[in-house]
Amino acid sequence: MKTMKSLALGAVSLLAASSASAQEINGADTAWILTSTALVLFMTIPGLSLFYAGLVRSKNVLSVLMQCFALTCLMSLVWFAVGYTIAFGSDGVEQGMWIGDFGNMFFANIGMDSVNGTVPATLFAIFQMTFAIITPALIVGGFAERMRFSAMLLFSTLWLVLVYSPVCHWVWGGGWLGNMGLQDFAGGTVVHITAAVAALVAAMMIGPRRGFGTVAMPPHNLTLTVAGAGMLWVGWFGFNAGSAVAADGSAAMAMLVTHLSASAGALAWMSMEWLRHGKPSMLGTVTGMVAGLGTITPASGSVGPAAAVVIGLIAGVVCYFATNYLKNKLKVDDSLDVFPVHGVGGILGTLLAGIFCSTQLGIFSGNGFSDGISSIGGQLMVQGTGVLATLVYTAVVTFVLLKVVGTLVGLRVDGDEETQGLDLVLHDERGYDL
């Protein structure tokens, strides 16, 4: 009897220890997510900042840098105040389909001893904060060289609260798309589709730059753009592999497929230019790399290396044609091609995740057929639903927000100010003063 009692007590102790260990901080996981957080922030400043700055004309280079830097600061505080709790709510509380509860406003109930999975809750919150920073910053490319700085700040604040945070909850925070089984490992819908659709709507509502379609507006400094592109590539490892929120095989595979897709995308775009125009360009090569990165993002946790190469090749070709023809067809001045690259790439990657996702990630697996044809069809329906819902919701709410902001402060600088350049008009500084 005594022996039985001892065994029972031992079993209870083991169960208690097991339960406690589930809430214990893992040092390796924590170290990796600390690194990933720095990498994703590095994507915005200086990565995206320099990438965009090199693409605009010299009279607007400082304005783009300023927008990205200011957004980094402002979005951090908005995420701290209300964005995080809308997206993820309170740990341990059953969340709604549409938004999280408001128990973590101003990071309430997130202390030094709080744990989220195997990492500190504070770390998870700031890791997700870096995603909330870069997504509004991506939108800058749609209205570059003509939007008022005050309008950009107000719009981005409202957009983070009313678009990004709810969609983030739908997919990652316990909302309806995540519960449906949407495959979006690192942000095909949450980041790329939302940002790109918002950029397209903004470009349509604000109108084209003066001289669009008649005056050449080439990038003023491709050296800056290439430097920024390299930083984006490196930072993307934290973006995708960090989304495993663990230092494990899933993170390693995500890093591998991210790199392969970026490489394939760059070479595919470069080859298309070479075949069609006789010469490959540096701008095309780095843009293909970004297309490969954006397209693999939603699938990076569910495909193998061979599928990643195929996805990258498809991304490079499809986004090349989207950039060269979609813009002219729609006659919309999406200044830095946010929608043709990030939007088309995000949509393509989210759908391809439903085709190539695999439970057996070997060298030649991830071809989509290892789990059966019926599985592919069902998953594609889910992926398509996620794409359509994100696209429609983002477009409608972005349109309303821009109308409100336009009424309050005005969206666009006047014609003379645009001709003079935003660096001097809005900031009384020059990007170059040699």
Protein backbone atom coordinates (compact mmCIF):
# COMPACT_ATOMS: atom_id res chain seq x y z
CA MET A 1 0.00 0.00 0.00
CA LYS A 2 2.82 2.33 0.95
CA THR A 3 4.59 1.48 -2.31
CA MET A 4 1.46 2.28 -4.33
CA LYS A 5 1.13 5.61 -2.51
CA SER A 6 4.78 6.44 -3.28
CA LEU A 7 4.28 5.59 -6.95
CA ALA A 8 1.18 7.78 -7.12
CA LEU A 9 3.01 10.69 -5.51
CA GLY A 10 5.88 10.18 -7.91
CA ALA A 11 3.54 10.27 -10.91
CA VAL A 12 1.91 13.47 -9.65
CA SER A 13 5.36 15.00 -9.17
CA LEU A 14 6.38 14.07 -12.70
CA LEU A 15 3.19 15.55 -14.11
CA ALA A 16 3.70 18.74 -12.13
CA ALA A 17 7.31 18.97 -13.30
CA SER A 18 6.22 18.38 -16.87
CA SER A 19 3.57 21.09 -16.60
CA ALA A 20 6.05 23.52 -15.07
CA SER A 21 8.66 22.79 -17.72
CA ALA A 22 6.14 23.73 -20.40
CA GLN A 23 6.18 27.24 -18.95
CA GLU A 24 9.91 27.44 -18.39
CA ILE A 25 12.16 29.66 -20.46
CA ASN A 26 14.42 27.83 -22.88
CA GLY A 27 17.81 29.52 -23.16
CA ALA A 28 18.50 28.48 -26.76
CA ASP A 29 15.06 29.58 -27.96
CA THR A 30 15.39 32.88 -26.13
CA ALA A 31 18.83 33.59 -27.57
CA TRP A 32 17.61 32.89 -31.10
CA ILE A 33 14.49 35.09 -30.81
CA LEU A 34 16.60 37.89 -29.29
CA THR A 35 18.79 37.65 -32.39
CA SER A 36 15.80 37.42 -34.72
CA THR A 37 14.23 40.52 -33.17
CA ALA A 38 17.38 42.52 -33.91
CA LEU A 39 17.46 41.09 -37.46
CA VAL A 40 13.86 42.07 -38.23
CA LEU A 41 14.39 45.59 -36.89
CA PHE A 42 17.53 45.73 -39.04
CA MET A 43 15.26 45.07 -42.05
CA THR A 44 13.50 48.43 -41.55
CA ILE A 45 16.38 50.56 -40.34
CA PRO A 46 18.65 50.59 -42.20
CA GLY A 47 17.57 47.88 -44.72
CA LEU A 48 14.24 49.03 -46.15
CA SER A 49 15.16 52.69 -45.52
CA LEU A 50 18.21 52.50 -47.78
CA PHE A 51 16.48 50.26 -50.33
CA TYR A 52 13.68 52.80 -50.77
CA ALA A 53 15.91 55.86 -50.45
CA GLY A 54 18.04 54.81 -53.41
CA LEU A 55 14.97 54.28 -55.60
CA VAL A 56 13.53 57.80 -55.28
CA ARG A 57 14.90 61.02 -56.79
CA SER A 58 17.65 62.83 -54.93
CA LYS A 59 15.34 65.64 -53.79
CA ASN A 60 13.25 63.11 -51.83
CA VAL A 61 15.88 60.77 -50.43
CA LEU A 62 15.84 62.24 -46.93
CA SER A 63 12.04 62.23 -46.78
CA VAL A 64 11.93 58.46 -47.29
CA LEU A 65 14.61 57.89 -44.68
CA MET A 66 12.69 60.13 -42.31
CA GLN A 67 9.42 58.31 -42.91
CA CYS A 68 10.93 54.89 -42.18
CA PHE A 69 12.78 56.12 -39.09
CA ALA A 70 9.78 57.99 -37.66
CA LEU A 71 7.51 55.03 -38.32
CA THR A 72 9.87 52.77 -36.41
CA CYS A 73 9.49 54.98 -33.36
CA LEU A 74 5.74 55.66 -33.67
CA MET A 75 4.65 52.12 -34.51
CA SER A 76 6.63 50.81 -31.53
CA LEU A 77 4.59 52.99 -29.17
CA VAL A 78 1.27 52.21 -30.87
CA TRP A 79 2.03 48.48 -30.64
CA PHE A 80 2.92 48.93 -26.95
CA ALA A 81 -0.28 50.87 -26.24
CA VAL A 82 -2.91 48.85 -28.06
CA GLY A 83 -1.66 46.98 -31.16
CA TYR A 84 -0.26 43.96 -29.33
CA THR A 85 -3.35 43.32 -27.25
CA ILE A 86 -5.64 43.59 -30.32
CA ALA A 87 -3.43 41.09 -32.15
CA PHE A 88 -2.68 38.60 -29.38
CA GLY A 89 -4.80 39.49 -26.36
CA SER A 90 -4.04 38.13 -22.91
CA ASP A 91 -2.12 34.91 -22.50
CA GLY A 92 -4.37 32.08 -21.39
CA VAL A 93 -7.60 33.91 -22.27
CA GLU A 94 -9.82 32.42 -24.97
CA GLN A 95 -9.74 34.88 -27.85
CA GLY A 96 -12.48 35.98 -30.21
CA MET A 97 -12.63 35.37 -33.94
CA TRP A 98 -11.89 38.97 -34.89
CA ILE A 99 -9.70 40.70 -32.28
CA GLY A 100 -7.95 39.86 -29.04
CA ASP A 101 -9.08 41.11 -25.65
CA PHE A 102 -7.64 44.31 -24.16
CA GLY A 103 -5.95 42.78 -21.14
CA ASN A 104 -2.43 43.62 -22.37
CA MET A 105 -2.87 47.32 -23.19
CA PHE A 106 0.40 49.14 -22.47
CA PHE A 107 1.86 45.64 -21.96
CA ALA A 108 -0.13 45.17 -18.78
CA ASN A 109 0.40 41.76 -17.18
CA ILE A 110 3.63 41.25 -19.13
CA GLY A 111 6.39 41.19 -16.54
CA MET A 112 9.95 39.97 -16.39
CA ASP A 113 8.78 36.53 -15.22
CA SER A 114 5.99 36.17 -17.80
CA VAL A 115 6.46 33.37 -20.32
CA ASN A 116 5.05 32.86 -23.80
CA GLY A 117 5.77 29.30 -24.89
CA THR A 118 9.48 28.83 -24.19
CA VAL A 119 10.55 32.48 -24.39
CA PRO A 120 9.88 35.50 -22.17
CA ALA A 121 6.57 37.18 -22.94
CA THR A 122 8.40 40.49 -23.24
CA LEU A 123 10.57 39.00 -25.98
CA PHE A 124 7.62 37.64 -27.93
CA ALA A 125 5.96 41.07 -27.69
CA ILE A 126 8.97 42.95 -29.07
CA PHE A 127 9.63 40.32 -31.73
CA GLN A 128 6.09 40.84 -32.99
CA MET A 129 6.61 44.60 -32.63
CA THR A 130 9.30 44.50 -35.32
CA PHE A 131 6.75 43.01 -37.75
CA ALA A 132 4.32 45.79 -36.84
CA ILE A 133 7.08 48.28 -37.66
CA ILE A 134 8.11 47.04 -41.09
CA THR A 135 4.58 46.49 -42.44
CA PRO A 136 3.50 50.17 -42.41
CA ALA A 137 7.00 51.11 -43.59
CA LEU A 138 6.49 48.96 -46.70
CA ILE A 139 3.43 51.06 -47.60
CA VAL A 140 5.67 54.14 -47.91
CA GLY A 141 6.80 52.87 -51.31
CA GLY A 142 3.30 53.30 -52.73
CA PHE A 143 3.02 57.04 -52.08
CA ALA A 144 6.70 58.03 -52.00
CA GLU A 145 7.62 61.55 -53.13
CA ARG A 146 4.18 63.14 -52.66
CA MET A 147 2.45 62.46 -49.32
CA ARG A 148 2.45 64.91 -46.42
CA PHE A 149 4.52 63.77 -43.45
CA SER A 150 1.71 64.53 -40.99
CA ALA A 151 -0.77 62.55 -43.11
CA MET A 152 1.63 59.61 -43.29
CA LEU A 153 2.00 59.50 -39.49
CA LEU A 154 -1.74 59.74 -38.80
CA PHE A 155 -2.68 57.21 -41.47
CA SER A 156 -0.04 54.70 -40.31
CA THR A 157 -1.21 54.94 -36.70
CA LEU A 158 -4.84 54.28 -37.59
CA TRP A 159 -3.85 51.59 -40.08
CA LEU A 160 -1.79 49.63 -37.56
CA VAL A 161 -4.70 49.61 -35.10
CA LEU A 162 -7.54 48.93 -37.54
CA VAL A 163 -5.92 46.81 -40.27
CA TYR A 164 -2.63 45.19 -39.29
CA SER A 165 -3.50 44.22 -35.71
CA PRO A 166 -6.89 42.61 -36.50
CA VAL A 167 -5.49 40.67 -39.48
CA CYS A 168 -2.56 39.58 -37.31
CA HIS A 169 -5.09 38.25 -34.80
CA TRP A 170 -7.05 36.44 -37.50
CA VAL A 171 -3.96 34.52 -38.57
CA TRP A 172 -1.59 34.28 -35.58
CA GLY A 173 -3.53 35.34 -32.51
CA GLY A 174 -6.22 32.69 -32.30
CA GLY A 175 -8.61 34.20 -34.83
CA TRP A 176 -10.78 32.66 -37.51
CA LEU A 177 -8.21 32.22 -40.31
CA GLY A 178 -5.69 30.53 -38.05
CA ASN A 179 -8.39 28.23 -36.69
CA MET A 180 -9.42 27.42 -40.26
CA GLY A 181 -5.88 26.16 -40.89
CA LEU A 182 -4.39 28.96 -43.00
CA GLN A 183 -0.72 28.32 -43.76
CA ASP A 184 1.05 31.64 -43.23
CA PHE A 185 4.24 30.97 -41.37
CA ALA A 186 5.76 34.45 -41.38
CA GLY A 187 3.43 36.94 -43.01
CA GLY A 188 2.26 36.42 -46.59
CA THR A 189 -1.19 37.70 -45.65
CA VAL A 190 -0.43 39.56 -42.42
CA VAL A 191 2.51 41.57 -43.78
CA HIS A 192 2.86 41.47 -47.56
CA ILE A 193 -0.75 41.44 -48.78
CA THR A 194 -1.92 44.03 -46.24
CA ALA A 195 0.98 46.41 -46.96
CA ALA A 196 0.78 46.01 -50.73
CA VAL A 197 -2.98 46.47 -50.98
CA ALA A 198 -2.75 49.55 -48.76
CA ALA A 199 0.05 50.93 -50.96
CA LEU A 200 -2.02 50.35 -54.10
CA VAL A 201 -5.13 52.01 -52.65
CA ALA A 202 -3.05 54.95 -51.42
CA ALA A 203 -1.39 55.39 -54.81
CA MET A 204 -4.78 55.38 -56.54
CA MET A 205 -6.34 57.86 -54.13
CA ILE A 206 -3.41 60.28 -53.94
CA GLY A 207 -2.80 60.24 -57.67
CA PRO A 208 0.41 59.98 -59.70
CA ARG A 209 3.53 62.07 -59.31
CA ARG A 210 3.84 65.08 -61.59
CA GLY A 211 5.20 63.88 -64.91
CA PHE A 212 4.35 60.23 -64.31
CA GLY A 213 4.33 58.43 -67.65
CA THR A 214 5.99 61.30 -69.53
CA VAL A 215 9.08 62.15 -67.47
CA ALA A 216 11.77 59.60 -66.62
CA MET A 217 12.07 59.02 -62.86
CA PRO A 218 14.99 56.61 -62.49
CA PRO A 219 16.49 55.66 -59.11
CA HIS A 220 18.96 58.31 -58.04
CA ASN A 221 21.41 56.01 -56.22
CA LEU A 222 21.41 52.28 -56.91
CA THR A 223 24.35 51.81 -54.58
CA LEU A 224 22.08 52.68 -51.65
CA THR A 225 19.41 50.35 -52.99
CA VAL A 226 21.79 47.39 -53.33
CA ALA A 227 23.16 47.99 -49.83
CA GLY A 228 19.63 48.07 -48.45
CA ALA A 229 18.69 44.94 -50.40
CA GLY A 230 21.60 43.05 -48.86
CA MET A 231 20.47 44.10 -45.39
CA LEU A 232 16.93 42.96 -46.17
CA TRP A 233 18.24 39.56 -47.26
CA VAL A 234 20.17 39.07 -44.03
CA GLY A 235 17.34 40.43 -41.88
CA TRP A 236 14.83 38.13 -43.54
CA PHE A 237 16.44 35.16 -41.82
CA GLY A 238 15.13 36.56 -38.54
CA PHE A 239 11.79 37.33 -40.18
CA ASN A 240 11.16 33.78 -41.40
CA ALA A 241 13.34 31.50 -39.28
CA GLY A 242 12.52 33.54 -36.18
CA SER A 243 8.83 32.86 -36.75
CA ALA A 244 9.43 29.30 -35.51
CA VAL A 245 9.86 30.99 -32.09
CA ALA A 246 12.35 28.26 -31.27
CA ALA A 247 15.92 27.25 -32.02
CA ASP A 248 15.04 23.97 -33.71
CA GLY A 249 14.83 22.13 -37.01
CA SER A 250 11.83 24.16 -38.15
CA ALA A 251 13.83 27.39 -37.81
CA ALA A 252 16.78 25.85 -39.65
CA MET A 253 14.59 24.64 -42.51
CA ALA A 254 12.87 28.03 -42.73
CA MET A 255 16.26 29.72 -43.01
CA LEU A 256 17.39 27.30 -45.72
CA VAL A 257 14.28 27.64 -47.88
CA THR A 258 14.31 31.43 -47.45
CA HIS A 259 17.83 31.66 -48.83
CA LEU A 260 17.16 29.29 -51.72
CA SER A 261 14.00 31.12 -52.78
CA ALA A 262 15.74 34.50 -52.66
CA SER A 263 18.58 33.18 -54.80
CA ALA A 264 16.21 31.59 -57.34
CA GLY A 265 14.06 34.73 -57.49
CA ALA A 266 17.05 36.97 -58.18
CA LEU A 267 18.37 34.72 -60.95
CA ALA A 268 14.91 34.29 -62.52
CA TRP A 269 14.32 38.05 -62.73
CA MET A 270 17.84 38.64 -63.99
CA SER A 271 17.36 36.00 -66.70
CA MET A 272 14.05 37.50 -67.81
CA GLU A 273 15.69 40.89 -68.31
CA TRP A 274 18.64 39.34 -70.09
CA LEU A 275 16.39 37.45 -72.51
CA ARG A 276 14.00 40.32 -73.18
CA HIS A 277 16.31 43.33 -73.15
CA GLY A 278 19.74 41.91 -73.86
CA LYS A 279 21.28 43.01 -70.56
CA PRO A 280 20.69 42.05 -66.93
CA SER A 281 20.29 44.94 -64.49
CA MET A 282 21.34 45.33 -60.89
CA LEU A 283 17.95 46.81 -60.01
CA GLY A 284 16.15 43.85 -61.53
CA THR A 285 18.36 41.35 -59.74
CA VAL A 286 17.78 42.81 -56.27
CA THR A 287 14.06 43.23 -56.98
CA GLY A 288 13.88 39.54 -57.94
CA MET A 289 15.60 38.71 -54.67
CA VAL A 290 12.94 40.64 -52.73
CA ALA A 291 10.21 38.90 -54.75
CA GLY A 292 11.70 35.52 -53.86
CA LEU A 293 11.84 36.46 -50.19
CA GLY A 294 8.30 37.79 -50.07
CA THR A 295 6.87 34.79 -51.89
CA ILE A 296 8.53 32.17 -49.69
CA THR A 297 7.52 33.95 -46.49
CA PRO A 298 4.09 32.30 -45.95
CA ALA A 299 5.41 28.87 -46.99
CA SER A 300 8.76 28.99 -45.20
CA GLY A 301 7.57 26.76 -42.35
CA SER A 302 5.93 24.10 -44.49
CA VAL A 303 8.02 23.40 -47.61
CA GLY A 304 11.30 21.70 -48.39
CA PRO A 305 14.33 22.95 -50.33
CA ALA A 306 13.26 21.74 -53.78
CA ALA A 307 9.86 23.41 -53.46
CA ALA A 308 11.58 26.60 -52.27
CA VAL A 309 13.64 26.79 -55.46
CA VAL A 310 10.50 26.30 -57.57
CA ILE A 311 8.67 28.99 -55.58
CA GLY A 312 11.57 31.40 -56.02
CA LEU A 313 11.74 30.81 -59.78
CA ILE A 314 7.99 31.32 -60.14
CA ALA A 315 8.19 34.48 -58.01
CA GLY A 316 10.96 35.99 -60.11
CA VAL A 317 9.09 35.45 -63.39
CA VAL A 318 5.56 36.35 -62.24
CA CYS A 319 6.61 39.44 -60.28
CA TYR A 320 8.77 40.57 -63.21
CA PHE A 321 5.76 40.59 -65.52
CA ALA A 322 3.56 42.15 -62.83
CA THR A 323 6.02 45.00 -62.35
CA ASN A 324 6.49 45.64 -66.04
CA TYR A 325 2.89 45.33 -67.19
CA LEU A 326 0.48 45.69 -64.28
CA LYS A 327 1.60 49.21 -63.46
CA ASN A 328 1.19 50.38 -67.06
CA LYS A 329 -2.11 48.57 -67.47
CA LEU A 330 -3.64 50.06 -64.34
CA LYS A 331 -1.89 53.41 -64.85
CA VAL A 332 -1.41 53.68 -61.10
CA ASP A 333 1.76 55.33 -59.80
CA ASP A 334 2.76 52.81 -57.14
CA SER A 335 6.08 54.64 -56.88
CA LEU A 336 8.35 51.81 -55.74
CA ASP A 337 6.32 48.83 -57.02
CA VAL A 338 5.05 47.65 -53.66
CA PHE A 339 2.01 45.82 -55.05
CA PRO A 340 3.65 44.07 -58.04
CA VAL A 341 6.44 42.72 -55.82
CA HIS A 342 5.05 42.33 -52.29
CA GLY A 343 1.36 42.03 -53.15
CA VAL A 344 1.70 39.64 -56.08
CA GLY A 345 4.46 37.78 -54.21
CA GLY A 346 2.40 37.54 -51.02
CA ILE A 347 -0.68 36.27 -52.88
CA LEU A 348 1.40 33.84 -54.94
CA GLY A 349 3.30 32.56 -51.91
CA THR A 350 0.16 32.07 -49.83
CA LEU A 351 -1.47 30.05 -52.60
CA LEU A 352 1.70 28.08 -53.35
CA ALA A 353 1.94 27.18 -49.67
CA GLY A 354 -1.28 25.25 -50.16
CA ILE A 355 0.24 23.33 -53.08
CA PHE A 356 3.76 22.68 -51.84
CA CYS A 357 3.15 22.25 -48.11
CA SER A 358 4.41 18.93 -46.85
CA THR A 359 4.62 17.10 -43.54
CA GLN A 360 7.86 15.43 -44.64
CA LEU A 361 10.51 18.05 -45.32
CA GLY A 362 13.25 16.09 -47.05
CA ILE A 363 15.51 17.23 -49.90
CA PHE A 364 13.02 16.28 -52.61
CA SER A 365 9.84 16.49 -50.56
CA GLY A 366 7.60 19.49 -50.18
CA ASN A 367 6.34 18.89 -53.71
CA GLY A 368 2.75 19.04 -52.54
CA PHE A 369 1.87 15.50 -53.50
CA SER A 370 3.29 13.67 -50.50
CA ASP A 371 0.10 14.46 -48.55
CA GLY A 372 -2.36 13.61 -51.33
CA ILE A 373 -4.29 15.47 -54.03
CA SER A 374 -7.41 15.91 -51.86
CA SER A 375 -5.28 17.52 -49.17
CA ILE A 376 -3.96 20.04 -51.70
CA GLY A 377 -7.46 20.96 -52.86
CA GLY A 378 -8.75 21.51 -49.35
CA GLN A 379 -5.73 23.54 -48.31
CA LEU A 380 -5.93 25.67 -51.45
CA MET A 381 -9.51 26.60 -50.52
CA VAL A 382 -8.30 27.73 -47.12
CA GLN A 383 -5.39 29.67 -48.62
CA GLY A 384 -7.65 31.35 -51.15
CA THR A 385 -10.08 32.35 -48.42
CA GLY A 386 -7.23 33.92 -46.45
CA VAL A 387 -5.99 35.86 -49.48
CA LEU A 388 -9.45 37.14 -50.44
CA ALA A 389 -10.48 38.12 -46.91
CA THR A 390 -7.20 39.95 -46.26
CA LEU A 391 -7.33 41.74 -49.60
CA VAL A 392 -10.93 42.94 -49.34
CA TYR A 393 -10.75 43.96 -45.68
CA THR A 394 -7.49 45.86 -46.17
CA ALA A 395 -8.72 47.66 -49.29
CA VAL A 396 -11.98 48.82 -47.72
CA VAL A 397 -10.56 49.98 -44.40
CA THR A 398 -7.53 51.64 -46.04
CA PHE A 399 -9.86 53.57 -48.36
CA VAL A 400 -11.93 54.83 -45.43
CA LEU A 401 -8.86 55.78 -43.39
CA LEU A 402 -7.32 57.75 -46.26
CA LYS A 403 -10.61 59.61 -46.73
CA VAL A 404 -10.64 60.53 -43.04
CA VAL A 405 -6.98 61.57 -42.99
CA GLY A 406 -7.42 63.57 -46.19
CA THR A 407 -10.29 65.47 -44.60
CA LEU A 408 -8.35 66.18 -41.42
CA VAL A 409 -4.88 67.16 -42.67
CA GLY A 410 -4.77 66.66 -46.45
CA LEU A 411 -2.96 63.77 -48.07
CA ARG A 412 -0.71 65.40 -50.63
CA VAL A 413 1.73 68.28 -50.92
CA ASP A 414 0.89 70.84 -53.59
CA GLY A 415 2.42 70.85 -57.07
CA ASP A 416 5.15 73.42 -56.39
CA GLU A 417 6.20 71.64 -53.21
CA GLU A 418 6.40 68.34 -55.05
CA THR A 419 8.57 69.91 -57.74
CA GLN A 420 10.90 71.38 -55.12
CA GLY A 421 11.19 68.06 -53.31
CA LEU A 422 10.01 66.84 -49.93
CA ASP A 423 13.43 67.04 -48.29
CA LEU A 424 13.40 70.83 -48.25
CA VAL A 425 9.65 71.41 -48.16
CA LEU A 426 8.83 69.09 -45.25
CA HIS A 427 12.09 68.84 -43.33
CA ASP A 428 14.15 71.90 -44.33
CA GLU A 429 17.13 69.64 -44.99
CA ARG A 430 18.90 68.08 -47.94
CA GLY A 431 19.83 64.47 -48.36
CA TYR A 432 23.02 65.61 -50.08
CA ASP A 433 24.81 68.90 -49.48
CA LEU A 434 28.15 68.52 -51.22
